C-alpha atoms as a PDB file:
ATOM      1  CA  UNK A   1     -82.405 -26.300  30.834  1.00  0.00           C
ATOM      2  CA  UNK A   2     -78.734 -26.283  31.711  1.00  0.00           C
ATOM      3  CA  UNK A   3     -76.408 -23.419  31.058  1.00  0.00           C
ATOM      4  CA  UNK A   4     -74.968 -23.196  27.530  1.00  0.00           C
ATOM      5  CA  UNK A   5     -71.476 -24.053  28.789  1.00  0.00           C
ATOM      6  CA  UNK A   6     -72.588 -27.593  29.657  1.00  0.00           C
ATOM      7  CA  UNK A   7     -73.989 -28.064  26.163  1.00  0.00           C
ATOM      8  CA  UNK A   8     -70.719 -26.771  24.717  1.00  0.00           C
ATOM      9  CA  UNK A   9     -68.628 -29.118  26.839  1.00  0.00           C
ATOM     10  CA  UNK A  10     -70.901 -32.017  25.913  1.00  0.00           C
ATOM     11  CA  UNK A  11     -70.571 -31.174  22.225  1.00  0.00           C
ATOM     12  CA  UNK A  12     -66.777 -31.032  22.582  1.00  0.00           C
ATOM     13  CA  UNK A  13     -66.711 -34.418  24.336  1.00  0.00           C
ATOM     14  CA  UNK A  14     -68.886 -35.902  21.589  1.00  0.00           C
ATOM     15  CA  UNK A  15     -66.749 -34.404  18.828  1.00  0.00           C
ATOM     16  CA  UNK A  16     -63.502 -35.743  20.294  1.00  0.00           C
ATOM     17  CA  UNK A  17     -65.054 -39.139  20.983  1.00  0.00           C
ATOM     18  CA  UNK A  18     -66.323 -39.443  17.423  1.00  0.00           C
ATOM     19  CA  UNK A  19     -62.994 -38.255  15.977  1.00  0.00           C
ATOM     20  CA  UNK A  20     -61.304 -41.064  17.904  1.00  0.00           C
ATOM     21  CA  UNK A  21     -63.843 -43.550  16.561  1.00  0.00           C
ATOM     22  CA  UNK A  22     -65.090 -44.462  20.026  1.00  0.00           C
ATOM     23  CA  UNK A  23     -68.632 -45.400  20.957  1.00  0.00           C
ATOM     24  CA  UNK A  24     -70.298 -43.899  23.993  1.00  0.00           C
ATOM     25  CA  UNK A  25     -69.790 -47.261  25.677  1.00  0.00           C
ATOM     26  CA  UNK A  26     -66.048 -47.134  24.920  1.00  0.00           C
ATOM     27  CA  UNK A  27     -65.746 -43.705  26.509  1.00  0.00           C
ATOM     28  CA  UNK A  28     -67.898 -44.698  29.473  1.00  0.00           C
ATOM     29  CA  UNK A  29     -65.560 -47.586  30.270  1.00  0.00           C
ATOM     30  CA  UNK A  30     -62.483 -45.365  29.984  1.00  0.00           C
ATOM     31  CA  UNK A  31     -63.831 -42.730  32.392  1.00  0.00           C
ATOM     32  CA  UNK A  32     -65.687 -45.057  34.762  1.00  0.00           C
ATOM     33  CA  UNK A  33     -69.189 -43.771  34.062  1.00  0.00           C
ATOM     34  CA  UNK A  34     -72.289 -45.259  32.475  1.00  0.00           C
ATOM     35  CA  UNK A  35     -73.144 -44.973  28.803  1.00  0.00           C
ATOM     36  CA  UNK A  36     -76.323 -43.189  29.868  1.00  0.00           C
ATOM     37  CA  UNK A  37     -74.246 -40.531  31.630  1.00  0.00           C
ATOM     38  CA  UNK A  38     -72.156 -40.046  28.487  1.00  0.00           C
ATOM     39  CA  UNK A  39     -75.344 -39.727  26.420  1.00  0.00           C
ATOM     40  CA  UNK A  40     -76.715 -37.134  28.824  1.00  0.00           C
ATOM     41  CA  UNK A  41     -73.435 -35.185  28.990  1.00  0.00           C
ATOM     42  CA  UNK A  42     -73.193 -35.013  25.222  1.00  0.00           C
ATOM     43  CA  UNK A  43     -76.799 -33.886  24.900  1.00  0.00           C
ATOM     44  CA  UNK A  44     -76.324 -31.213  27.560  1.00  0.00           C
ATOM     45  CA  UNK A  45     -78.948 -32.778  29.816  1.00  0.00           C
ATOM     46  CA  UNK A  46     -76.525 -33.522  32.644  1.00  0.00           C
ATOM     47  CA  UNK A  47     -73.774 -31.417  34.165  1.00  0.00           C
ATOM     48  CA  UNK A  48     -70.241 -32.689  33.918  1.00  0.00           C
ATOM     49  CA  UNK A  49     -68.597 -32.570  37.334  1.00  0.00           C
ATOM     50  CA  UNK A  50     -65.192 -30.922  37.585  1.00  0.00           C
ATOM     51  CA  UNK A  51     -63.429 -34.100  38.671  1.00  0.00           C
ATOM     52  CA  UNK A  52     -65.000 -35.926  35.715  1.00  0.00           C
ATOM     53  CA  UNK A  53     -63.539 -33.415  33.253  1.00  0.00           C
ATOM     54  CA  UNK A  54     -60.106 -34.589  34.387  1.00  0.00           C
ATOM     55  CA  UNK A  55     -61.118 -38.161  33.541  1.00  0.00           C
ATOM     56  CA  UNK A  56     -62.252 -37.114  30.063  1.00  0.00           C
ATOM     57  CA  UNK A  57     -59.032 -35.210  29.402  1.00  0.00           C
ATOM     58  CA  UNK A  58     -56.974 -38.209  30.529  1.00  0.00           C
ATOM     59  CA  UNK A  59     -59.025 -40.629  28.409  1.00  0.00           C
ATOM     60  CA  UNK A  60     -58.554 -38.349  25.390  1.00  0.00           C
ATOM     61  CA  UNK A  61     -54.829 -38.083  26.171  1.00  0.00           C
ATOM     62  CA  UNK A  62     -55.023 -34.299  26.347  1.00  0.00           C
ATOM     63  CA  UNK A  63     -54.995 -31.505  28.902  1.00  0.00           C
ATOM     64  CA  UNK A  64     -58.041 -29.789  30.355  1.00  0.00           C
ATOM     65  CA  UNK A  65     -57.123 -26.543  28.625  1.00  0.00           C
ATOM     66  CA  UNK A  66     -57.429 -28.304  25.264  1.00  0.00           C
ATOM     67  CA  UNK A  67     -60.765 -29.816  26.230  1.00  0.00           C
ATOM     68  CA  UNK A  68     -62.113 -26.361  27.092  1.00  0.00           C
ATOM     69  CA  UNK A  69     -60.443 -24.364  24.304  1.00  0.00           C
ATOM     70  CA  UNK A  70     -62.948 -22.017  22.695  1.00  0.00           C
ATOM     71  CA  UNK A  71     -65.455 -22.445  25.494  1.00  0.00           C
ATOM     72  CA  UNK A  72     -63.894 -20.202  28.121  1.00  0.00           C
ATOM     73  CA  UNK A  73     -60.889 -18.801  26.277  1.00  0.00           C
END
């Protein structure tokens, strides 16, 4: 089982993705990963690498601090 922070980040990614009306496939294409990776990130089964968090923030047109708000601060 991964640390709770990875589940929290995955839940945040899923929430933002769904708010934008994107599928997992849409997000995968925008960040250059597979849909399976997105599925695993969102479920907390796979760790999100630091350099990938930058890709998510850019795809969501936000800053990392907004992506992590409420998780670390």
